[in-house]
């Protein structure tokens, strides 16, 4: 259909533009002199980001502490949502 054709064309053009833009941003030459003197990360920024990276990797590999801490509230939320759905279905059936 025509809709699928235009949708596929849009996806292809978007991907091509994203790749072109990525190449210009990442591999392009710096044109402003003020940007040429910037360092990647200062020691202060490294001291802030390294513990965060370690925590993200740790909780990505071993998420049990987060799940254990939130289990009770998630269980209560699921119970409330289930009760609401059941009451809505009962009301709709009557």
PDB file of N, CA and C in Angstrom:
ATOM      1  N   UNK A   1       0.834  -1.187   0.000  1.00  0.00           N
ATOM      2  CA  UNK A   1       0.000   0.000   0.000  1.00  0.00           C
ATOM      3  C   UNK A   1       0.878   1.249   0.000  1.00  0.00           C
ATOM      4  N   UNK A   2       0.234   2.379  -0.269  1.00  0.00           N
ATOM      5  CA  UNK A   2       0.966   3.648  -0.327  1.00  0.00           C
ATOM      6  C   UNK A   2       1.455   4.080   1.046  1.00  0.00           C
ATOM      7  N   UNK A   3       0.690   3.789   2.059  1.00  0.00           N
ATOM      8  CA  UNK A   3       1.083   4.185   3.415  1.00  0.00           C
ATOM      9  C   UNK A   3       2.368   3.470   3.820  1.00  0.00           C
ATOM     10  N   UNK A   4       2.444   2.173   3.532  1.00  0.00           N
ATOM     11  CA  UNK A   4       3.646   1.411   3.859  1.00  0.00           C
ATOM     12  C   UNK A   4       4.845   1.922   3.069  1.00  0.00           C
ATOM     13  N   UNK A   5       4.621   2.270   1.808  1.00  0.00           N
ATOM     14  CA  UNK A   5       5.706   2.799   0.984  1.00  0.00           C
ATOM     15  C   UNK A   5       6.259   4.096   1.571  1.00  0.00           C
ATOM     16  N   UNK A   6       5.368   5.013   1.935  1.00  0.00           N
ATOM     17  CA  UNK A   6       5.825   6.285   2.505  1.00  0.00           C
ATOM     18  C   UNK A   6       6.457   6.092   3.880  1.00  0.00           C
ATOM     19  N   UNK A   7       5.927   5.169   4.661  1.00  0.00           N
ATOM     20  CA  UNK A   7       6.510   4.895   5.974  1.00  0.00           C
ATOM     21  C   UNK A   7       7.916   4.320   5.829  1.00  0.00           C
ATOM     22  N   UNK A   8       8.094   3.365   4.918  1.00  0.00           N
ATOM     23  CA  UNK A   8       9.408   2.771   4.696  1.00  0.00           C
ATOM     24  C   UNK A   8      10.385   3.801   4.146  1.00  0.00           C
ATOM     25  N   UNK A   9       9.922   4.648   3.240  1.00  0.00           N
ATOM     26  CA  UNK A   9      10.777   5.705   2.703  1.00  0.00           C
ATOM     27  C   UNK A   9      11.204   6.663   3.805  1.00  0.00           C
ATOM     28  N   UNK A  10      10.291   7.005   4.688  1.00  0.00           N
ATOM     29  CA  UNK A  10      10.626   7.881   5.810  1.00  0.00           C
ATOM     30  C   UNK A  10      11.651   7.265   6.735  1.00  0.00           C
ATOM     31  N   UNK A  11      11.524   5.974   7.001  1.00  0.00           N
ATOM     32  CA  UNK A  11      12.492   5.290   7.862  1.00  0.00           C
ATOM     33  C   UNK A  11      13.865   5.269   7.204  1.00  0.00           C
ATOM     34  N   UNK A  12      13.913   4.978   5.925  1.00  0.00           N
ATOM     35  CA  UNK A  12      15.194   4.919   5.212  1.00  0.00           C
ATOM     36  C   UNK A  12      15.849   6.293   5.164  1.00  0.00           C
ATOM     37  N   UNK A  13      15.087   7.322   4.843  1.00  0.00           N
ATOM     38  CA  UNK A  13      15.651   8.677   4.802  1.00  0.00           C
ATOM     39  C   UNK A  13      16.096   9.135   6.190  1.00  0.00           C
ATOM     40  N   UNK A  14      15.352   8.781   7.216  1.00  0.00           N
ATOM     41  CA  UNK A  14      15.736   9.148   8.582  1.00  0.00           C
ATOM     42  C   UNK A  14      17.035   8.466   8.983  1.00  0.00           C
ATOM     43  N   UNK A  15      17.184   7.196   8.643  1.00  0.00           N
ATOM     44  CA  UNK A  15      18.416   6.477   8.961  1.00  0.00           C
ATOM     45  C   UNK A  15      19.600   7.072   8.210  1.00  0.00           C
ATOM     46  N   UNK A  16      19.410   7.410   6.945  1.00  0.00           N
ATOM     47  CA  UNK A  16      20.494   8.009   6.166  1.00  0.00           C
ATOM     48  C   UNK A  16      20.894   9.359   6.750  1.00  0.00           C
ATOM     49  N   UNK A  17      19.928  10.170   7.132  1.00  0.00           N
ATOM     50  CA  UNK A  17      20.229  11.470   7.734  1.00  0.00           C
ATOM     51  C   UNK A  17      20.931  11.296   9.070  1.00  0.00           C
ATOM     52  N   UNK A  18      20.490  10.341   9.881  1.00  0.00           N
ATOM     53  CA  UNK A  18      21.122  10.115  11.181  1.00  0.00           C
ATOM     54  C   UNK A  18      22.576   9.691  11.013  1.00  0.00           C
ATOM     55  N   UNK A  19      22.857   8.827  10.042  1.00  0.00           N
ATOM     56  CA  UNK A  19      24.239   8.406   9.805  1.00  0.00           C
ATOM     57  C   UNK A  19      25.091   9.563   9.294  1.00  0.00           C
ATOM     58  N   UNK A  20      24.551  10.381   8.412  1.00  0.00           N
ATOM     59  CA  UNK A  20      25.283  11.540   7.897  1.00  0.00           C
ATOM     60  C   UNK A  20      25.590  12.514   9.027  1.00  0.00           C
ATOM     61  N   UNK A  21      24.587  12.765   9.874  1.00  0.00           N
ATOM     62  CA  UNK A  21      24.770  13.679  10.997  1.00  0.00           C
ATOM     63  C   UNK A  21      25.781  13.129  11.993  1.00  0.00           C
ATOM     64  N   UNK A  22      25.714  11.844  12.281  1.00  0.00           N
ATOM     65  CA  UNK A  22      26.662  11.210  13.203  1.00  0.00           C
ATOM     66  C   UNK A  22      28.088  11.359  12.684  1.00  0.00           C
ATOM     67  N   UNK A  23      28.281  11.140  11.397  1.00  0.00           N
ATOM     68  CA  UNK A  23      29.621  11.262  10.816  1.00  0.00           C
ATOM     69  C   UNK A  23      30.153  12.680  10.957  1.00  0.00           C
ATOM     70  N   UNK A  24      29.293  13.671  10.718  1.00  0.00           N
ATOM     71  CA  UNK A  24      29.729  15.066  10.833  1.00  0.00           C
ATOM     72  C   UNK A  24      30.049  15.441  12.269  1.00  0.00           C
ATOM     73  N   UNK A  25      29.242  14.990  13.215  1.00  0.00           N
ATOM     74  CA  UNK A  25      29.435  15.364  14.615  1.00  0.00           C
ATOM     75  C   UNK A  25      30.651  14.659  15.206  1.00  0.00           C
ATOM     76  N   UNK A  26      30.794  13.370  14.965  1.00  0.00           N
ATOM     77  CA  UNK A  26      31.851  12.595  15.607  1.00  0.00           C
ATOM     78  C   UNK A  26      33.182  12.747  14.882  1.00  0.00           C
ATOM     79  N   UNK A  27      33.193  12.679  13.582  1.00  0.00           N
ATOM     80  CA  UNK A  27      34.442  12.659  12.831  1.00  0.00           C
ATOM     81  C   UNK A  27      34.757  13.965  12.114  1.00  0.00           C
ATOM     82  N   UNK A  28      33.889  14.948  12.221  1.00  0.00           N
ATOM     83  CA  UNK A  28      34.115  16.217  11.541  1.00  0.00           C
ATOM     84  C   UNK A  28      35.185  17.063  12.220  1.00  0.00           C
ATOM     85  N   UNK A  29      35.724  18.001  11.479  1.00  0.00           N
ATOM     86  CA  UNK A  29      36.757  18.887  12.013  1.00  0.00           C
ATOM     87  C   UNK A  29      36.116  19.966  12.884  1.00  0.00           C
ATOM     88  N   UNK A  30      36.848  20.379  13.919  1.00  0.00           N
ATOM     89  CA  UNK A  30      36.374  21.462  14.778  1.00  0.00           C
ATOM     90  C   UNK A  30      36.605  22.787  14.073  1.00  0.00           C
ATOM     91  N   UNK A  31      35.585  23.609  14.002  1.00  0.00           N
ATOM     92  CA  UNK A  31      35.711  24.882  13.307  1.00  0.00           C
ATOM     93  C   UNK A  31      35.900  26.049  14.265  1.00  0.00           C
ATOM     94  N   UNK A  32      35.458  25.930  15.508  1.00  0.00           N
ATOM     95  CA  UNK A  32      35.604  27.014  16.475  1.00  0.00           C
ATOM     96  C   UNK A  32      36.885  26.823  17.278  1.00  0.00           C
ATOM     97  N   UNK A  33      37.657  27.898  17.415  1.00  0.00           N
ATOM     98  CA  UNK A  33      38.905  27.816  18.163  1.00  0.00           C
ATOM     99  C   UNK A  33      38.671  27.551  19.645  1.00  0.00           C
ATOM    100  N   UNK A  34      37.566  28.029  20.189  1.00  0.00           N
ATOM    101  CA  UNK A  34      37.292  27.826  21.614  1.00  0.00           C
ATOM    102  C   UNK A  34      37.049  26.354  21.942  1.00  0.00           C
ATOM    103  N   UNK A  35      36.615  25.572  20.973  1.00  0.00           N
ATOM    104  CA  UNK A  35      36.360  24.155  21.218  1.00  0.00           C
ATOM    105  C   UNK A  35      37.609  23.299  21.090  1.00  0.00           C
ATOM    106  N   UNK A  36      38.638  23.809  20.448  1.00  0.00           N
ATOM    107  CA  UNK A  36      39.844  23.021  20.226  1.00  0.00           C
ATOM    108  C   UNK A  36      40.664  22.835  21.494  1.00  0.00           C
ATOM    109  N   UNK A  37      40.455  23.675  22.509  1.00  0.00           N
ATOM    110  CA  UNK A  37      41.246  23.599  23.732  1.00  0.00           C
ATOM    111  C   UNK A  37      40.551  22.829  24.847  1.00  0.00           C
ATOM    112  N   UNK A  38      39.382  22.280  24.591  1.00  0.00           N
ATOM    113  CA  UNK A  38      38.652  21.557  25.624  1.00  0.00           C
ATOM    114  C   UNK A  38      39.249  20.172  25.859  1.00  0.00           C
ATOM    115  N   UNK A  39      39.306  19.783  27.127  1.00  0.00           N
ATOM    116  CA  UNK A  39      39.724  18.434  27.479  1.00  0.00           C
ATOM    117  C   UNK A  39      38.494  17.537  27.546  1.00  0.00           C
ATOM    118  N   UNK A  40      38.714  16.235  27.501  1.00  0.00           N
ATOM    119  CA  UNK A  40      37.585  15.314  27.559  1.00  0.00           C
ATOM    120  C   UNK A  40      36.903  15.365  28.920  1.00  0.00           C
ATOM    121  N   UNK A  41      37.597  14.979  29.976  1.00  0.00           N
ATOM    122  CA  UNK A  41      37.043  15.010  31.324  1.00  0.00           C
ATOM    123  C   UNK A  41      38.103  15.503  32.296  1.00  0.00           C
ATOM    124  N   UNK A  42      37.693  16.361  33.200  1.00  0.00           N
ATOM    125  CA  UNK A  42      38.606  16.807  34.247  1.00  0.00           C
ATOM    126  C   UNK A  42      38.652  15.733  35.333  1.00  0.00           C
ATOM    127  N   UNK A  43      39.665  15.771  36.205  1.00  0.00           N
ATOM    128  CA  UNK A  43      39.715  14.791  37.296  1.00  0.00           C
ATOM    129  C   UNK A  43      38.467  14.831  38.182  1.00  0.00           C
ATOM    130  N   UNK A  44      37.914  16.014  38.400  1.00  0.00           N
ATOM    131  CA  UNK A  44      36.684  16.131  39.201  1.00  0.00           C
ATOM    132  C   UNK A  44      35.524  15.415  38.526  1.00  0.00           C
ATOM    133  N   UNK A  45      35.393  15.595  37.218  1.00  0.00           N
ATOM    134  CA  UNK A  45      34.320  14.933  36.487  1.00  0.00           C
ATOM    135  C   UNK A  45      34.507  13.417  36.477  1.00  0.00           C
ATOM    136  N   UNK A  46      35.759  12.971  36.368  1.00  0.00           N
ATOM    137  CA  UNK A  46      36.037  11.532  36.430  1.00  0.00           C
ATOM    138  C   UNK A  46      35.671  10.967  37.795  1.00  0.00           C
ATOM    139  N   UNK A  47      35.981  11.724  38.863  1.00  0.00           N
ATOM    140  CA  UNK A  47      35.651  11.266  40.216  1.00  0.00           C
ATOM    141  C   UNK A  47      34.144  11.170  40.417  1.00  0.00           C
ATOM    142  N   UNK A  48      33.388  11.966  39.700  1.00  0.00           N
ATOM    143  CA  UNK A  48      31.930  11.914  39.813  1.00  0.00           C
ATOM    144  C   UNK A  48      31.356  10.778  38.972  1.00  0.00           C
ATOM    145  N   UNK A  49      31.866  10.594  37.770  1.00  0.00           N
ATOM    146  CA  UNK A  49      31.215   9.653  36.852  1.00  0.00           C
ATOM    147  C   UNK A  49      31.640   8.204  37.063  1.00  0.00           C
ATOM    148  N   UNK A  50      32.857   7.945  37.506  1.00  0.00           N
ATOM    149  CA  UNK A  50      33.299   6.561  37.661  1.00  0.00           C
ATOM    150  C   UNK A  50      32.460   5.778  38.672  1.00  0.00           C
ATOM    151  N   UNK A  51      32.152   6.325  39.857  1.00  0.00           N
ATOM    152  CA  UNK A  51      31.270   5.559  40.756  1.00  0.00           C
ATOM    153  C   UNK A  51      29.882   5.318  40.160  1.00  0.00           C
ATOM    154  N   UNK A  52      29.372   6.279  39.409  1.00  0.00           N
ATOM    155  CA  UNK A  52      28.070   6.087  38.774  1.00  0.00           C
ATOM    156  C   UNK A  52      28.115   4.970  37.732  1.00  0.00           C
ATOM    157  N   UNK A  53      29.193   4.917  36.971  1.00  0.00           N
ATOM    158  CA  UNK A  53      29.344   3.859  35.972  1.00  0.00           C
ATOM    159  C   UNK A  53      29.422   2.498  36.655  1.00  0.00           C
ATOM    160  N   UNK A  54      30.176   2.431  37.754  1.00  0.00           N
ATOM    161  CA  UNK A  54      30.293   1.170  38.494  1.00  0.00           C
ATOM    162  C   UNK A  54      28.926   0.735  39.021  1.00  0.00           C
ATOM    163  N   UNK A  55      28.149   1.671  39.568  1.00  0.00           N
ATOM    164  CA  UNK A  55      26.820   1.331  40.078  1.00  0.00           C
ATOM    165  C   UNK A  55      25.879   0.882  38.965  1.00  0.00           C
ATOM    166  N   UNK A  56      25.932   1.543  37.832  1.00  0.00           N
ATOM    167  CA  UNK A  56      25.071   1.153  36.710  1.00  0.00           C
ATOM    168  C   UNK A  56      25.409  -0.259  36.246  1.00  0.00           C
ATOM    169  N   UNK A  57      26.689  -0.562  36.128  1.00  0.00           N
ATOM    170  CA  UNK A  57      27.094  -1.907  35.703  1.00  0.00           C
ATOM    171  C   UNK A  57      26.714  -2.934  36.763  1.00  0.00           C
ATOM    172  N   UNK A  58      26.950  -2.609  38.045  1.00  0.00           N
ATOM    173  CA  UNK A  58      26.626  -3.538  39.128  1.00  0.00           C
ATOM    174  C   UNK A  58      25.137  -3.856  39.150  1.00  0.00           C
ATOM    175  N   UNK A  59      24.295  -2.817  39.121  1.00  0.00           N
ATOM    176  CA  UNK A  59      22.854  -3.055  39.171  1.00  0.00           C
ATOM    177  C   UNK A  59      22.327  -3.639  37.862  1.00  0.00           C
ATOM    178  N   UNK A  60      23.050  -3.464  36.771  1.00  0.00           N
ATOM    179  CA  UNK A  60      22.658  -4.121  35.531  1.00  0.00           C
ATOM    180  C   UNK A  60      22.940  -5.609  35.556  1.00  0.00           C
ATOM    181  N   UNK A  61      24.045  -5.998  36.202  1.00  0.00           N
ATOM    182  CA  UNK A  61      24.410  -7.410  36.291  1.00  0.00           C
ATOM    183  C   UNK A  61      23.690  -8.091  37.452  1.00  0.00           C
ATOM    184  N   UNK A  62      23.547  -7.379  38.574  1.00  0.00           N
ATOM    185  CA  UNK A  62      22.945  -7.952  39.783  1.00  0.00           C
ATOM    186  C   UNK A  62      21.863  -7.011  40.311  1.00  0.00           C
ATOM    187  N   UNK A  63      20.667  -7.041  39.736  1.00  0.00           N
ATOM    188  CA  UNK A  63      19.618  -6.092  40.124  1.00  0.00           C
ATOM    189  C   UNK A  63      18.819  -6.492  41.363  1.00  0.00           C
ATOM    190  N   UNK A  64      19.151  -7.603  42.001  1.00  0.00           N
ATOM    191  CA  UNK A  64      18.366  -8.101  43.134  1.00  0.00           C
ATOM    192  C   UNK A  64      18.220  -7.086  44.270  1.00  0.00           C
ATOM    193  N   UNK A  65      19.247  -6.314  44.647  1.00  0.00           N
ATOM    194  CA  UNK A  65      19.042  -5.343  45.730  1.00  0.00           C
ATOM    195  C   UNK A  65      17.961  -4.309  45.418  1.00  0.00           C
ATOM    196  N   UNK A  66      17.893  -3.878  44.181  1.00  0.00           N
ATOM    197  CA  UNK A  66      16.860  -2.910  43.799  1.00  0.00           C
ATOM    198  C   UNK A  66      15.490  -3.578  43.814  1.00  0.00           C
ATOM    199  N   UNK A  67      15.412  -4.784  43.291  1.00  0.00           N
ATOM    200  CA  UNK A  67      14.137  -5.500  43.274  1.00  0.00           C
ATOM    201  C   UNK A  67      13.653  -5.800  44.682  1.00  0.00           C
ATOM    202  N   UNK A  68      14.574  -6.183  45.563  1.00  0.00           N
ATOM    203  CA  UNK A  68      14.189  -6.461  46.950  1.00  0.00           C
ATOM    204  C   UNK A  68      13.689  -5.205  47.650  1.00  0.00           C
ATOM    205  N   UNK A  69      14.311  -4.083  47.373  1.00  0.00           N
ATOM    206  CA  UNK A  69      13.921  -2.832  48.032  1.00  0.00           C
ATOM    207  C   UNK A  69      12.561  -2.333  47.547  1.00  0.00           C
ATOM    208  N   UNK A  70      12.202  -2.646  46.327  1.00  0.00           N
ATOM    209  CA  UNK A  70      10.947  -2.131  45.766  1.00  0.00           C
ATOM    210  C   UNK A  70       9.839  -3.177  45.694  1.00  0.00           C
ATOM    211  N   UNK A  71      10.087  -4.383  46.174  1.00  0.00           N
ATOM    212  CA  UNK A  71       9.124  -5.477  46.007  1.00  0.00           C
ATOM    213  C   UNK A  71       7.790  -5.182  46.675  1.00  0.00           C
ATOM    214  N   UNK A  72       7.800  -4.672  47.904  1.00  0.00           N
ATOM    215  CA  UNK A  72       6.547  -4.441  48.625  1.00  0.00           C
ATOM    216  C   UNK A  72       5.695  -3.371  47.949  1.00  0.00           C
ATOM    217  N   UNK A  73       6.316  -2.275  47.537  1.00  0.00           N
ATOM    218  CA  UNK A  73       5.532  -1.210  46.902  1.00  0.00           C
ATOM    219  C   UNK A  73       5.012  -1.637  45.536  1.00  0.00           C
ATOM    220  N   UNK A  74       5.789  -2.412  44.798  1.00  0.00           N
ATOM    221  CA  UNK A  74       5.327  -2.904  43.501  1.00  0.00           C
ATOM    222  C   UNK A  74       4.171  -3.886  43.692  1.00  0.00           C
ATOM    223  N   UNK A  75       4.278  -4.731  44.714  1.00  0.00           N
ATOM    224  CA  UNK A  75       3.199  -5.681  44.991  1.00  0.00           C
ATOM    225  C   UNK A  75       1.907  -4.946  45.341  1.00  0.00           C
ATOM    226  N   UNK A  76       2.001  -3.892  46.160  1.00  0.00           N
ATOM    227  CA  UNK A  76       0.818  -3.103  46.513  1.00  0.00           C
ATOM    228  C   UNK A  76       0.238  -2.410  45.285  1.00  0.00           C
ATOM    229  N   UNK A  77       1.093  -1.892  44.431  1.00  0.00           N
ATOM    230  CA  UNK A  77       0.628  -1.230  43.214  1.00  0.00           C
ATOM    231  C   UNK A  77      -0.091  -2.204  42.292  1.00  0.00           C
ATOM    232  N   UNK A  78       0.486  -3.376  42.101  1.00  0.00           N
ATOM    233  CA  UNK A  78      -0.138  -4.384  41.242  1.00  0.00           C
ATOM    234  C   UNK A  78      -1.479  -4.821  41.819  1.00  0.00           C
ATOM    235  N   UNK A  79      -1.550  -4.967  43.135  1.00  0.00           N
ATOM    236  CA  UNK A  79      -2.815  -5.340  43.777  1.00  0.00           C
ATOM    237  C   UNK A  79      -3.875  -4.277  43.533  1.00  0.00           C
ATOM    238  N   UNK A  80      -3.526  -3.012  43.694  1.00  0.00           N
ATOM    239  CA  UNK A  80      -4.484  -1.924  43.469  1.00  0.00           C
ATOM    240  C   UNK A  80      -4.933  -1.841  42.015  1.00  0.00           C
ATOM    241  N   UNK A  81      -4.006  -1.984  41.101  1.00  0.00           N
ATOM    242  CA  UNK A  81      -4.352  -1.914  39.677  1.00  0.00           C
ATOM    243  C   UNK A  81      -5.238  -3.094  39.292  1.00  0.00           C
ATOM    244  N   UNK A  82      -4.908  -4.282  39.793  1.00  0.00           N
ATOM    245  CA  UNK A  82      -5.725  -5.460  39.501  1.00  0.00           C
ATOM    246  C   UNK A  82      -7.138  -5.294  40.045  1.00  0.00           C
ATOM    247  N   UNK A  83      -7.257  -4.771  41.261  1.00  0.00           N
ATOM    248  CA  UNK A  83      -8.582  -4.541  41.841  1.00  0.00           C
ATOM    249  C   UNK A  83      -9.362  -3.514  41.030  1.00  0.00           C
ATOM    250  N   UNK A  84      -8.691  -2.472  40.567  1.00  0.00           N
ATOM    251  CA  UNK A  84      -9.363  -1.457  39.749  1.00  0.00           C
ATOM    252  C   UNK A  84      -9.836  -2.029  38.424  1.00  0.00           C
ATOM    253  N   UNK A  85      -9.020  -2.842  37.803  1.00  0.00           N
ATOM    254  CA  UNK A  85      -9.407  -3.464  36.529  1.00  0.00           C
ATOM    255  C   UNK A  85     -10.592  -4.396  36.734  1.00  0.00           C
ATOM    256  N   UNK A  86     -10.530  -5.187  37.800  1.00  0.00           N
ATOM    257  CA  UNK A  86     -11.636  -6.110  38.070  1.00  0.00           C
ATOM    258  C   UNK A  86     -12.937  -5.366  38.343  1.00  0.00           C
ATOM    259  N   UNK A  87     -12.875  -4.281  39.108  1.00  0.00           N
ATOM    260  CA  UNK A  87     -14.100  -3.526  39.394  1.00  0.00           C
ATOM    261  C   UNK A  87     -14.626  -2.830  38.141  1.00  0.00           C
ATOM    262  N   UNK A  88     -13.732  -2.367  37.277  1.00  0.00           N
ATOM    263  CA  UNK A  88     -14.168  -1.740  36.027  1.00  0.00           C
ATOM    264  C   UNK A  88     -14.824  -2.764  35.109  1.00  0.00           C
ATOM    265  N   UNK A  89     -14.264  -3.966  35.056  1.00  0.00           N
ATOM    266  CA  UNK A  89     -14.857  -5.012  34.223  1.00  0.00           C
ATOM    267  C   UNK A  89     -16.210  -5.447  34.772  1.00  0.00           C
ATOM    268  N   UNK A  90     -16.321  -5.507  36.098  1.00  0.00           N
ATOM    269  CA  UNK A  90     -17.599  -5.864  36.715  1.00  0.00           C
ATOM    270  C   UNK A  90     -18.651  -4.799  36.433  1.00  0.00           C
ATOM    271  N   UNK A  91     -18.263  -3.535  36.533  1.00  0.00           N
ATOM    272  CA  UNK A  91     -19.200  -2.443  36.267  1.00  0.00           C
ATOM    273  C   UNK A  91     -19.611  -2.416  34.799  1.00  0.00           C
ATOM    274  N   UNK A  92     -18.687  -2.738  33.912  1.00  0.00           N
ATOM    275  CA  UNK A  92     -19.005  -2.737  32.482  1.00  0.00           C
ATOM    276  C   UNK A  92     -19.911  -3.904  32.116  1.00  0.00           C
ATOM    277  N   UNK A  93     -19.782  -5.008  32.854  1.00  0.00           N
ATOM    278  CA  UNK A  93     -20.603  -6.186  32.565  1.00  0.00           C
ATOM    279  C   UNK A  93     -22.041  -5.980  33.015  1.00  0.00           C
ATOM    280  N   UNK A  94     -22.252  -5.126  34.013  1.00  0.00           N
ATOM    281  CA  UNK A  94     -23.619  -4.903  34.535  1.00  0.00           C
ATOM    282  C   UNK A  94     -24.309  -3.877  33.741  1.00  0.00           C
TER     283      UNK A  94
END
